[in-house]
């Protein structure tokens, strides 16, 4: 048979197999064994995660929109989150980690990059004015209304509220304060999640937020005071231009935020209850020991008599356990020991396992979340830190995009309007050229990282500005500080050669001067001579300089 006929026969076979088949049934005439095998495979092919069986009966498969899910769950979820924040140390640890790594001790710094009209040279005067005015606005009570917070306090509270509650509201007040611009923090519970209604064909309120043609137009804020109005019975309608609503979005069409550790809260609560029970049991075991008192029916007095009716109404008397004390039992009573033997050997392993799952829910390293550095070395710590720092930098970029890049142009406009900044309003577009420097981190081994940075600069894969930015600094500031240090040393009559020593041409790093090197060598030799005569761990220590 020719090759062409073989190919045509194969094509015909494929076309026949591609014809739509009816589900195979032995009663249907014309069904071949090949067809039955084909449909048997089709019947078995499915997603196991979608299978319905007795093993998946406790696995919910309900599909809800983000709005409906938050309407049903946000109030309880936020209340439990606040309870954990008030009572659980690990939850507070997580909030503190987020606050310290996202905001840091100094907050997000403003770096003005304004250029002159030629678009090339830096406008030093404008840059200095803007940075000084921003620093002044950041002081306590200047940037906030109805509170005495600094800007760093504001950033810290924002992160803490978003982590714990899932969101935070900021009301913007124009024309208030020395700079004509102030911010007020609002408890997100004052934005009622259960306020939902349709006003007309274009306007509706979803979870306390008013939308017109899908765009946010207003927020309904409950009254403030000792007893805040969380039900919005006396809510104030505030136009959207005066409100900044901050939350970290995870879902399409998401309108409200939820606590960041929501997926780990139940496990954390269970672990807290388990840990509390273990501590109580261990305390009982460490004191007199628990147990029961029993007596026979022949003994008269309080207790069980053997009569079912009387026993049902009899009261059980309890005695408190106290360390170092022993009681004397009445005649006819005996003590039945109860020894809980806690904590068990499985406590530490289970406790660690639960904390690892909770840390994974918060996307933080276990050894940092649990404050457990027992099994950490340089390599494992560096890998864990590098991964989690990407998470922190993601949150830092979110904070800058949702807060600083929004409020800075408004502050700039009001600062120029009030005369705080002596700049031309017509060039306000030039003055918006700024950058933001969130906090940076030190490395586990600074010496190794410094050598690695030096190698990257030599290879041309990184610049000095890149290295400075990784450390949360601006290279221009580093250069200016070095120039100031050099001027101070020269004014005091101290030469840089005396400090760092003479460096040969083409040397990688400054080398110590000849005099200092010889003095250091003499000290090392003297130390070696002393060590040579010592007996360390039963062995003579002897070593010579190479």
Protein backbone atom coordinates (compact mmCIF):
# COMPACT_ATOMS: atom_id res chain seq x y z
CA UNK A 1 0.00 0.00 0.00
CA UNK A 2 1.36 3.40 -0.93
CA UNK A 3 2.28 6.08 1.61
CA UNK A 4 -0.53 8.35 0.35
CA UNK A 5 -3.18 5.72 0.96
CA UNK A 6 -1.84 5.11 4.45
CA UNK A 7 -2.03 8.83 5.24
CA UNK A 8 -5.58 9.10 3.86
CA UNK A 9 -6.67 6.12 5.92
CA UNK A 10 -5.20 7.68 9.06
CA UNK A 11 -6.97 10.99 8.38
CA UNK A 12 -10.29 9.17 7.91
CA UNK A 13 -9.79 7.34 11.19
CA UNK A 14 -9.11 10.61 13.04
CA UNK A 15 -12.22 12.20 11.54
CA UNK A 16 -14.34 9.28 12.70
CA UNK A 17 -12.92 9.54 16.22
CA UNK A 18 -13.66 13.25 16.26
CA UNK A 19 -17.39 12.74 15.64
CA UNK A 20 -19.56 13.64 18.65
CA UNK A 21 -20.58 10.56 20.64
CA UNK A 22 -23.58 9.95 22.77
CA UNK A 23 -22.92 8.73 26.33
CA UNK A 24 -22.36 4.99 26.12
CA UNK A 25 -25.05 2.70 27.38
CA UNK A 26 -25.11 -1.07 26.89
CA UNK A 27 -28.74 -0.76 25.79
CA UNK A 28 -27.85 1.59 22.92
CA UNK A 29 -27.21 -0.42 19.78
CA UNK A 30 -24.10 0.32 17.79
CA UNK A 31 -21.89 1.27 20.75
CA UNK A 32 -18.52 -0.29 20.39
CA UNK A 33 -16.11 -1.25 23.21
CA UNK A 34 -13.77 1.49 21.94
CA UNK A 35 -16.53 4.10 22.43
CA UNK A 36 -17.35 2.81 25.92
CA UNK A 37 -13.72 3.05 26.98
CA UNK A 38 -13.54 6.58 25.56
CA UNK A 39 -16.59 7.73 27.53
CA UNK A 40 -15.36 5.99 30.66
CA UNK A 41 -12.24 8.15 30.57
CA UNK A 42 -14.33 11.28 29.97
CA UNK A 43 -16.51 10.51 32.99
CA UNK A 44 -13.46 10.21 35.26
CA UNK A 45 -11.78 13.39 34.04
CA UNK A 46 -12.53 16.28 36.43
CA UNK A 47 -10.96 18.59 38.99
CA UNK A 48 -10.62 16.67 42.23
CA UNK A 49 -10.97 19.93 44.15
CA UNK A 50 -14.50 20.28 42.71
CA UNK A 51 -15.57 16.70 43.41
CA UNK A 52 -18.57 16.20 45.69
CA UNK A 53 -18.13 13.39 48.20
CA UNK A 54 -18.46 12.72 51.89
CA UNK A 55 -14.80 13.74 52.25
CA UNK A 56 -15.53 17.22 50.88
CA UNK A 57 -18.88 17.87 52.57
CA UNK A 58 -17.24 20.30 55.04
CA UNK A 59 -15.53 22.20 52.20
CA UNK A 60 -17.70 25.20 51.23
CA UNK A 61 -18.22 25.79 47.52
CA UNK A 62 -20.37 28.93 47.73
CA UNK A 63 -19.52 31.73 45.31
CA UNK A 64 -20.08 35.23 46.69
CA UNK A 65 -19.04 38.60 45.36
CA UNK A 66 -16.47 40.53 47.37
CA UNK A 67 -19.16 43.05 48.35
CA UNK A 68 -21.52 40.38 49.69
CA UNK A 69 -18.73 38.49 51.43
CA UNK A 70 -17.54 41.61 53.25
CA UNK A 71 -21.13 42.60 54.07
CA UNK A 72 -21.65 39.29 55.82
CA UNK A 73 -18.26 38.86 57.49
CA UNK A 74 -16.37 42.13 57.87
CA UNK A 75 -17.93 43.30 61.13
CA UNK A 76 -17.27 39.98 62.94
CA UNK A 77 -13.87 39.59 61.29
CA UNK A 78 -12.77 43.04 62.37
CA UNK A 79 -14.10 42.59 65.91
CA UNK A 80 -12.15 39.36 66.34
CA UNK A 81 -9.07 40.96 64.84
CA UNK A 82 -9.25 43.77 67.37
CA UNK A 83 -9.72 41.26 70.19
CA UNK A 84 -6.57 39.41 69.11
CA UNK A 85 -4.68 42.68 68.89
CA UNK A 86 -5.66 43.46 72.48
CA UNK A 87 -4.99 40.00 73.93
CA UNK A 88 -2.57 38.01 71.79
CA UNK A 89 1.15 38.75 71.82
CA UNK A 90 1.85 37.07 68.49
CA UNK A 91 -0.79 39.18 66.76
CA UNK A 92 0.72 42.33 68.20
CA UNK A 93 4.10 41.04 67.07
CA UNK A 94 2.78 40.77 63.52
CA UNK A 95 1.34 44.29 63.60
CA UNK A 96 4.62 45.58 65.00
CA UNK A 97 6.61 43.82 62.28
CA UNK A 98 4.47 45.38 59.57
CA UNK A 99 4.70 48.83 61.12
CA UNK A 100 8.45 48.74 61.73
CA UNK A 101 9.36 47.28 58.33
CA UNK A 102 7.00 49.39 56.22
CA UNK A 103 7.26 52.71 58.05
CA UNK A 104 10.42 52.31 60.10
CA UNK A 105 11.73 54.66 62.77
CA UNK A 106 11.88 57.72 60.50
CA UNK A 107 9.00 57.17 58.11
CA UNK A 108 9.03 57.82 54.37
CA UNK A 109 11.41 60.66 53.49
CA UNK A 110 10.74 63.27 50.85
CA UNK A 111 13.54 64.02 48.38
CA UNK A 112 12.87 67.02 46.17
CA UNK A 113 14.24 66.67 42.60
CA UNK A 114 13.06 69.97 41.12
CA UNK A 115 14.95 71.14 38.03
CA UNK A 116 15.31 74.65 36.70
CA UNK A 117 13.37 75.86 33.68
CA UNK A 118 16.08 74.51 31.36
CA UNK A 119 15.24 71.00 32.56
CA UNK A 120 18.90 70.16 33.25
CA UNK A 121 20.24 71.91 36.34
CA UNK A 122 18.89 71.24 39.82
CA UNK A 123 16.89 74.06 41.38
CA UNK A 124 18.71 74.04 44.72
CA UNK A 125 16.71 76.90 46.19
CA UNK A 126 13.33 75.32 45.44
CA UNK A 127 14.50 71.90 46.63
CA UNK A 128 15.68 73.31 49.94
CA UNK A 129 12.46 75.27 50.47
CA UNK A 130 10.24 72.27 49.74
CA UNK A 131 12.16 69.86 51.97
CA UNK A 132 12.31 72.33 54.87
CA UNK A 133 8.58 73.15 54.57
CA UNK A 134 7.67 69.45 54.39
CA UNK A 135 9.77 68.78 57.48
CA UNK A 136 8.00 71.61 59.26
CA UNK A 137 4.57 70.30 58.24
CA UNK A 138 5.56 66.84 59.51
CA UNK A 139 5.94 68.06 63.10
CA UNK A 140 3.57 67.16 65.92
CA UNK A 141 0.11 68.69 65.58
CA UNK A 142 0.89 70.57 62.36
CA UNK A 143 -0.11 67.95 59.81
CA UNK A 144 -3.05 66.45 61.73
CA UNK A 145 -6.42 67.84 62.78
CA UNK A 146 -8.17 66.93 66.05
CA UNK A 147 -5.04 65.12 67.19
CA UNK A 148 -1.41 65.88 67.98
CA UNK A 149 0.33 63.32 65.82
CA UNK A 150 3.49 63.76 63.78
CA UNK A 151 3.63 62.64 60.18
CA UNK A 152 5.59 59.54 61.20
CA UNK A 153 2.89 58.80 63.82
CA UNK A 154 0.31 59.21 61.08
CA UNK A 155 2.08 56.68 58.85
CA UNK A 156 2.55 54.23 61.72
CA UNK A 157 -1.12 54.40 62.76
CA UNK A 158 -2.23 54.01 59.14
CA UNK A 159 -0.24 50.80 58.72
CA UNK A 160 -1.35 49.46 62.10
CA UNK A 161 -4.99 50.17 61.30
CA UNK A 162 -4.79 48.66 57.81
CA UNK A 163 -3.13 45.50 59.17
CA UNK A 164 -5.61 45.11 62.04
CA UNK A 165 -8.82 46.45 60.46
CA UNK A 166 -8.03 46.06 56.77
CA UNK A 167 -8.49 49.74 55.95
CA UNK A 168 -8.35 53.29 57.24
CA UNK A 169 -10.08 56.54 56.31
CA UNK A 170 -8.35 59.92 56.13
CA UNK A 171 -10.32 63.12 55.94
CA UNK A 172 -8.56 66.04 54.27
CA UNK A 173 -9.12 69.53 55.66
CA UNK A 174 -8.25 72.41 53.33
CA UNK A 175 -7.62 75.84 54.83
CA UNK A 176 -6.77 74.52 58.31
CA UNK A 177 -3.43 74.75 60.05
CA UNK A 178 -0.39 76.90 59.35
CA UNK A 179 0.12 75.24 55.98
CA UNK A 180 -3.57 75.30 55.03
CA UNK A 181 -3.72 71.51 54.87
CA UNK A 182 -4.36 68.93 57.61
CA UNK A 183 -5.33 65.27 57.81
CA UNK A 184 -7.73 63.55 60.20
CA UNK A 185 -7.69 59.83 60.87
CA UNK A 186 -11.12 58.17 60.98
CA UNK A 187 -11.95 54.80 62.51
CA UNK A 188 -13.05 52.55 59.61
CA UNK A 189 -15.82 51.16 61.82
CA UNK A 190 -17.56 54.50 61.37
CA UNK A 191 -18.04 53.57 57.71
CA UNK A 192 -20.93 51.06 58.08
CA UNK A 193 -20.44 47.95 56.00
CA UNK A 194 -24.14 47.03 56.19
CA UNK A 195 -25.39 50.31 54.67
CA UNK A 196 -26.55 49.17 51.22
CA UNK A 197 -29.35 50.63 49.12
CA UNK A 198 -30.19 51.82 45.63
CA UNK A 199 -31.03 55.51 45.27
CA UNK A 200 -31.78 55.70 41.54
CA UNK A 201 -30.69 54.14 38.27
CA UNK A 202 -27.27 55.80 38.46
CA UNK A 203 -26.65 56.02 42.20
CA UNK A 204 -26.29 53.29 44.80
CA UNK A 205 -24.70 52.83 48.22
CA UNK A 206 -22.57 49.73 48.73
CA UNK A 207 -20.98 49.02 52.11
CA UNK A 208 -21.35 52.64 53.19
CA UNK A 209 -19.84 54.11 50.01
CA UNK A 210 -21.92 56.01 47.46
CA UNK A 211 -21.33 55.36 43.76
CA UNK A 212 -22.55 57.26 40.74
CA UNK A 213 -22.13 55.32 37.50
CA UNK A 214 -19.58 53.12 39.28
CA UNK A 215 -17.41 56.02 40.52
CA UNK A 216 -17.06 56.85 44.22
CA UNK A 217 -18.96 60.04 44.97
CA UNK A 218 -19.29 60.11 48.78
CA UNK A 219 -18.72 58.28 52.06
CA UNK A 220 -21.24 57.96 54.88
CA UNK A 221 -19.33 58.54 58.11
CA UNK A 222 -20.96 57.83 61.48
CA UNK A 223 -20.72 60.34 64.30
CA UNK A 224 -17.62 60.48 66.47
CA UNK A 225 -17.36 60.62 70.23
CA UNK A 226 -17.18 58.30 73.24
CA UNK A 227 -19.75 55.99 71.65
CA UNK A 228 -19.10 56.07 67.94
CA UNK A 229 -22.00 55.46 65.60
CA UNK A 230 -21.05 52.18 63.92
CA UNK A 231 -24.56 51.67 62.54
CA UNK A 232 -24.65 55.01 60.71
CA UNK A 233 -27.99 55.98 62.17
CA UNK A 234 -26.68 59.55 62.19
CA UNK A 235 -24.16 59.28 59.35
CA UNK A 236 -22.73 62.34 57.65
CA UNK A 237 -22.37 62.32 53.88
CA UNK A 238 -18.84 63.44 53.04
CA UNK A 239 -17.92 64.05 49.37
CA UNK A 240 -15.22 61.74 48.06
CA UNK A 241 -12.78 64.57 47.32
CA UNK A 242 -12.33 65.07 51.06
CA UNK A 243 -11.71 61.40 51.89
CA UNK A 244 -8.80 59.07 51.22
CA UNK A 245 -9.75 55.41 51.67
CA UNK A 246 -6.66 53.23 52.11
CA UNK A 247 -6.75 49.44 51.84
CA UNK A 248 -4.60 46.81 50.12
CA UNK A 249 -6.68 45.41 47.23
CA UNK A 250 -6.60 41.69 46.47
CA UNK A 251 -9.86 41.06 44.56
CA UNK A 252 -11.38 42.55 41.42
CA UNK A 253 -14.09 45.10 42.22
CA UNK A 254 -13.07 45.09 45.89
CA UNK A 255 -14.45 48.14 47.71
CA UNK A 256 -13.48 47.56 51.34
CA UNK A 257 -10.42 46.08 53.04
CA UNK A 258 -10.17 43.21 55.53
CA UNK A 259 -7.47 42.31 58.12
CA UNK A 260 -4.20 41.13 56.59
CA UNK A 261 -3.97 38.04 58.81
CA UNK A 262 -7.56 36.94 58.20
CA UNK A 263 -6.55 33.51 56.89
CA UNK A 264 -4.51 32.82 60.04
CA UNK A 265 -6.74 34.33 62.72
CA UNK A 266 -8.71 31.16 63.50
CA UNK A 267 -5.54 29.10 63.86
CA UNK A 268 -4.02 31.80 66.06
CA UNK A 269 -7.08 31.84 68.32
CA UNK A 270 -7.11 28.05 68.61
CA UNK A 271 -3.41 28.04 69.42
CA UNK A 272 -3.97 30.72 72.04
CA UNK A 273 -6.72 28.67 73.70
CA UNK A 274 -4.58 25.52 73.53
CA UNK A 275 -1.58 27.31 75.01
CA UNK A 276 -3.73 28.75 77.79
CA UNK A 277 -5.14 25.29 78.62
CA UNK A 278 -1.63 23.81 78.72
CA UNK A 279 -0.44 26.53 81.08
CA UNK A 280 -3.40 26.00 83.43
CA UNK A 281 -2.89 22.23 83.41
CA UNK A 282 0.83 22.65 84.07
CA UNK A 283 0.07 25.03 86.95
CA UNK A 284 -2.35 22.51 88.52
CA UNK A 285 0.26 19.77 88.17
CA UNK A 286 2.96 21.97 89.69
CA UNK A 287 0.84 22.85 92.72
CA UNK A 288 -0.77 20.33 95.09
CA UNK A 289 -2.12 18.29 92.21
CA UNK A 290 -5.73 18.08 91.26
CA UNK A 291 -8.16 15.31 92.03
CA UNK A 292 -11.56 14.36 93.37
CA UNK A 293 -12.93 13.60 96.84
CA UNK A 294 -15.21 10.61 97.14
CA UNK A 295 -17.07 8.93 100.01
CA UNK A 296 -19.25 5.91 100.47
CA UNK A 297 -23.05 6.12 100.73
CA UNK A 298 -22.85 5.03 104.36
CA UNK A 299 -21.15 8.27 105.38
CA UNK A 300 -23.63 10.91 106.46
CA UNK A 301 -23.08 14.49 105.45
CA UNK A 302 -22.76 16.53 102.29
CA UNK A 303 -22.20 14.83 98.99
CA UNK A 304 -23.86 12.14 96.93
CA UNK A 305 -26.28 9.85 98.79
CA UNK A 306 -26.86 7.27 96.15
CA UNK A 307 -30.41 8.49 95.53
CA UNK A 308 -30.78 9.46 91.86
CA UNK A 309 -33.19 12.30 92.61
CA UNK A 310 -31.03 13.73 95.38
CA UNK A 311 -27.88 13.30 93.35
CA UNK A 312 -29.32 15.31 90.51
CA UNK A 313 -29.83 18.30 92.80
CA UNK A 314 -26.65 17.87 94.89
CA UNK A 315 -24.07 20.63 94.61
CA UNK A 316 -20.41 19.86 94.02
CA UNK A 317 -18.06 21.73 96.32
CA UNK A 318 -14.71 22.82 94.97
CA UNK A 319 -11.42 23.39 96.82
CA UNK A 320 -8.76 25.68 95.47
CA UNK A 321 -5.27 24.36 94.83
CA UNK A 322 -2.38 26.18 96.47
CA UNK A 323 1.30 25.38 96.20
CA UNK A 324 2.97 23.98 99.36
CA UNK A 325 -0.25 23.24 101.28
CA UNK A 326 -1.97 19.97 102.20
CA UNK A 327 -5.48 19.50 103.50
CA UNK A 328 -6.85 17.08 106.06
CA UNK A 329 -9.83 15.03 104.91
CA UNK A 330 -12.80 14.23 107.18
CA UNK A 331 -13.37 10.65 108.29
CA UNK A 332 -14.87 8.53 105.54
CA UNK A 333 -13.49 10.67 102.70
CA UNK A 334 -10.67 9.67 100.41
CA UNK A 335 -8.70 11.53 97.75
CA UNK A 336 -8.54 10.30 94.19
CA UNK A 337 -5.48 11.73 92.41
CA UNK A 338 -5.79 13.61 89.14
CA UNK A 339 -2.42 14.13 87.46
CA UNK A 340 -2.73 15.97 84.11
CA UNK A 341 1.00 15.52 83.23
CA UNK A 342 1.24 18.73 81.26
CA UNK A 343 2.78 20.14 79.22
CA UNK A 344 3.24 17.04 77.08
CA UNK A 345 6.22 16.33 74.86
CA UNK A 346 4.12 17.17 71.80
CA UNK A 347 3.41 20.70 72.98
CA UNK A 348 6.52 22.34 71.58
CA UNK A 349 6.30 20.60 68.19
CA UNK A 350 2.59 21.40 67.78
CA UNK A 351 3.08 24.96 68.97
CA UNK A 352 5.88 25.50 66.45
CA UNK A 353 3.83 23.94 63.66
CA UNK A 354 0.88 26.22 64.33
CA UNK A 355 3.09 29.30 64.41
CA UNK A 356 4.64 28.34 61.08
CA UNK A 357 1.21 28.20 59.48
CA UNK A 358 0.24 31.57 60.97
CA UNK A 359 3.52 33.12 59.80
CA UNK A 360 2.87 31.78 56.30
CA UNK A 361 -0.58 33.42 56.35
CA UNK A 362 1.07 36.75 57.15
CA UNK A 363 3.87 36.22 54.60
CA UNK A 364 6.56 36.74 57.23
CA UNK A 365 9.46 34.43 58.23
CA UNK A 366 8.70 32.05 61.08
CA UNK A 367 11.91 32.74 63.01
CA UNK A 368 11.10 36.44 63.12
CA UNK A 369 7.38 36.07 63.82
CA UNK A 370 7.90 33.51 66.61
CA UNK A 371 11.11 35.20 67.83
CA UNK A 372 12.80 31.80 67.49
CA UNK A 373 16.40 32.00 66.22
CA UNK A 374 17.43 28.54 67.42
CA UNK A 375 17.87 26.93 63.99
CA UNK A 376 18.82 30.03 62.01
CA UNK A 377 22.17 30.40 60.27
CA UNK A 378 23.50 33.03 57.90
CA UNK A 379 22.34 31.31 54.70
CA UNK A 380 18.82 30.48 55.87
CA UNK A 381 18.37 33.90 57.45
CA UNK A 382 19.53 35.66 54.30
CA UNK A 383 17.19 33.66 52.05
CA UNK A 384 14.24 34.31 54.37
CA UNK A 385 15.06 37.99 54.72
CA UNK A 386 15.46 38.53 50.97
CA UNK A 387 12.06 36.99 50.27
CA UNK A 388 10.21 38.85 52.98
CA UNK A 389 11.87 42.16 52.08
CA UNK A 390 10.23 41.96 48.67
CA UNK A 391 6.95 41.77 50.55
CA UNK A 392 7.84 44.79 52.67
CA UNK A 393 8.95 46.78 49.63
CA UNK A 394 5.66 45.93 47.92
CA UNK A 395 3.78 47.34 50.91
CA UNK A 396 6.06 50.40 50.98
CA UNK A 397 5.32 51.12 47.32
CA UNK A 398 1.61 50.72 48.08
CA UNK A 399 1.84 53.23 50.93
CA UNK A 400 3.64 55.76 48.75
CA UNK A 401 1.16 55.35 45.88
CA UNK A 402 -1.98 55.47 48.03
CA UNK A 403 -0.90 58.17 50.48
CA UNK A 404 2.17 60.28 49.74
CA UNK A 405 1.67 60.71 46.01
CA UNK A 406 -1.91 61.80 46.71
CA UNK A 407 -1.41 64.24 49.57
CA UNK A 408 1.84 65.87 48.40
CA UNK A 409 0.37 67.79 45.40
CA UNK A 410 -2.50 68.99 47.60
CA UNK A 411 -0.12 70.07 50.38
CA UNK A 412 2.13 71.79 47.81
CA UNK A 413 -0.76 73.78 46.36
CA UNK A 414 -1.98 74.90 49.79
CA UNK A 415 1.55 75.68 51.03
CA UNK A 416 2.11 77.96 48.03
CA UNK A 417 -1.34 79.52 48.47
CA UNK A 418 -0.76 80.31 52.15
CA UNK A 419 2.73 81.70 51.47
CA UNK A 420 4.61 79.02 53.40
CA UNK A 421 6.47 78.29 50.17
CA UNK A 422 7.76 81.34 48.32
CA UNK A 423 7.36 79.70 44.93
CA UNK A 424 5.53 80.70 41.77
CA UNK A 425 2.08 79.06 41.41
CA UNK A 426 2.53 79.01 37.63
CA UNK A 427 5.47 76.59 37.99
CA UNK A 428 3.73 74.22 40.39
CA UNK A 429 4.15 71.40 37.88
CA UNK A 430 7.94 71.71 38.29
CA UNK A 431 7.75 71.45 42.05
CA UNK A 432 5.96 68.09 41.91
CA UNK A 433 9.17 66.37 40.80
CA UNK A 434 9.99 64.52 44.02
CA UNK A 435 10.93 61.02 45.06
CA UNK A 436 10.13 59.04 48.19
CA UNK A 437 12.67 57.06 50.21
CA UNK A 438 11.10 54.46 52.52
CA UNK A 439 13.15 52.79 55.20
CA UNK A 440 15.96 50.40 54.29
CA UNK A 441 17.55 47.53 56.21
CA UNK A 442 20.98 46.42 57.32
CA UNK A 443 22.23 43.03 56.21
CA UNK A 444 22.97 39.97 58.30
CA UNK A 445 26.70 40.17 57.48
CA UNK A 446 27.58 43.78 56.52
CA UNK A 447 31.18 42.89 55.60
CA UNK A 448 30.13 40.33 53.00
CA UNK A 449 27.48 42.66 51.60
CA UNK A 450 29.99 45.52 51.40
CA UNK A 451 32.42 43.36 49.44
CA UNK A 452 29.60 42.23 47.18
CA UNK A 453 28.54 45.83 46.54
CA UNK A 454 32.15 46.79 45.73
CA UNK A 455 32.34 43.93 43.23
CA UNK A 456 29.07 44.99 41.58
CA UNK A 457 30.33 48.56 41.18
CA UNK A 458 33.56 47.26 39.60
CA UNK A 459 31.62 45.08 37.20
CA UNK A 460 29.38 47.98 36.25
CA UNK A 461 26.21 46.12 37.22
CA UNK A 462 25.38 48.73 39.89
CA UNK A 463 26.18 52.37 40.54
CA UNK A 464 27.03 54.16 43.76
CA UNK A 465 23.58 55.71 43.63
CA UNK A 466 22.03 52.22 43.51
CA UNK A 467 24.04 51.09 46.54
CA UNK A 468 23.02 54.21 48.47
CA UNK A 469 19.36 53.71 47.53
CA UNK A 470 19.45 50.11 48.83
CA UNK A 471 20.48 51.53 52.20
CA UNK A 472 17.68 54.09 52.19
CA UNK A 473 20.01 57.01 51.46
CA UNK A 474 20.36 59.49 48.65
CA UNK A 475 23.77 59.52 46.98
CA UNK A 476 23.81 63.31 46.82
CA UNK A 477 23.36 63.44 50.59
CA UNK A 478 26.19 60.95 51.06
CA UNK A 479 28.51 63.08 48.91
CA UNK A 480 27.52 66.24 50.74
CA UNK A 481 28.07 64.57 54.12
CA UNK A 482 31.51 63.33 53.06
CA UNK A 483 32.43 66.84 51.96
CA UNK A 484 31.29 68.25 55.31
CA UNK A 485 33.25 65.58 57.20
CA UNK A 486 36.39 66.35 55.20
CA UNK A 487 36.01 70.08 55.85
CA UNK A 488 35.57 69.47 59.60
CA UNK A 489 38.66 67.25 59.73
CA UNK A 490 40.75 69.77 57.84
CA UNK A 491 39.51 72.59 60.09
CA UNK A 492 40.61 70.55 63.12
CA UNK A 493 44.04 69.92 61.57
CA UNK A 494 43.41 66.22 60.97
CA UNK A 495 44.44 64.74 57.65
CA UNK A 496 42.49 61.97 55.96
CA UNK A 497 45.82 60.18 55.46
CA UNK A 498 46.19 59.97 59.25
CA UNK A 499 42.75 58.45 59.53
CA UNK A 500 42.66 56.02 56.61
CA UNK A 501 46.34 55.81 55.72
CA UNK A 502 47.98 56.24 52.34
CA UNK A 503 46.42 54.27 49.51
CA UNK A 504 48.48 53.18 46.57
CA UNK A 505 47.41 54.00 43.05
CA UNK A 506 44.67 51.67 41.90
CA UNK A 507 44.07 50.21 45.36
CA UNK A 508 40.62 48.83 45.98
CA UNK A 509 40.26 50.04 49.54
CA UNK A 510 42.22 52.44 51.76
CA UNK A 511 45.27 50.81 53.32
CA UNK A 512 46.75 51.70 56.71
CA UNK A 513 49.84 53.85 56.75
CA UNK A 514 53.28 52.27 57.21
CA UNK A 515 53.62 53.45 60.80
CA UNK A 516 50.22 52.10 61.85
CA UNK A 517 50.82 48.82 60.02
CA UNK A 518 54.13 48.25 61.83
CA UNK A 519 52.56 49.07 65.19
CA UNK A 520 49.70 46.64 64.48
CA UNK A 521 52.21 43.94 63.49
CA UNK A 522 54.16 44.40 66.73
CA UNK A 523 50.95 44.02 68.76
CA UNK A 524 50.02 40.83 66.92
CA UNK A 525 53.49 39.35 67.51
CA UNK A 526 53.31 40.17 71.22
CA UNK A 527 49.88 38.52 71.45
CA UNK A 528 51.19 35.41 69.68
CA UNK A 529 54.11 35.14 72.10
CA UNK A 530 51.74 35.28 75.05
CA UNK A 531 49.41 32.69 73.56
CA UNK A 532 52.31 30.35 72.81
CA UNK A 533 52.96 29.89 76.54
CA UNK A 534 49.30 29.22 77.44
CA UNK A 535 47.69 25.80 77.83
CA UNK A 536 44.29 25.79 76.13
CA UNK A 537 42.07 22.71 76.65
CA UNK A 538 45.07 20.61 77.64
CA UNK A 539 47.02 21.37 74.47
CA UNK A 540 49.89 23.74 73.90
CA UNK A 541 48.91 26.61 71.69
CA UNK A 542 51.64 27.61 69.28
CA UNK A 543 51.32 29.54 66.13
CA UNK A 544 53.75 31.64 64.12
CA UNK A 545 53.05 34.46 61.76
CA UNK A 546 53.39 33.61 58.14
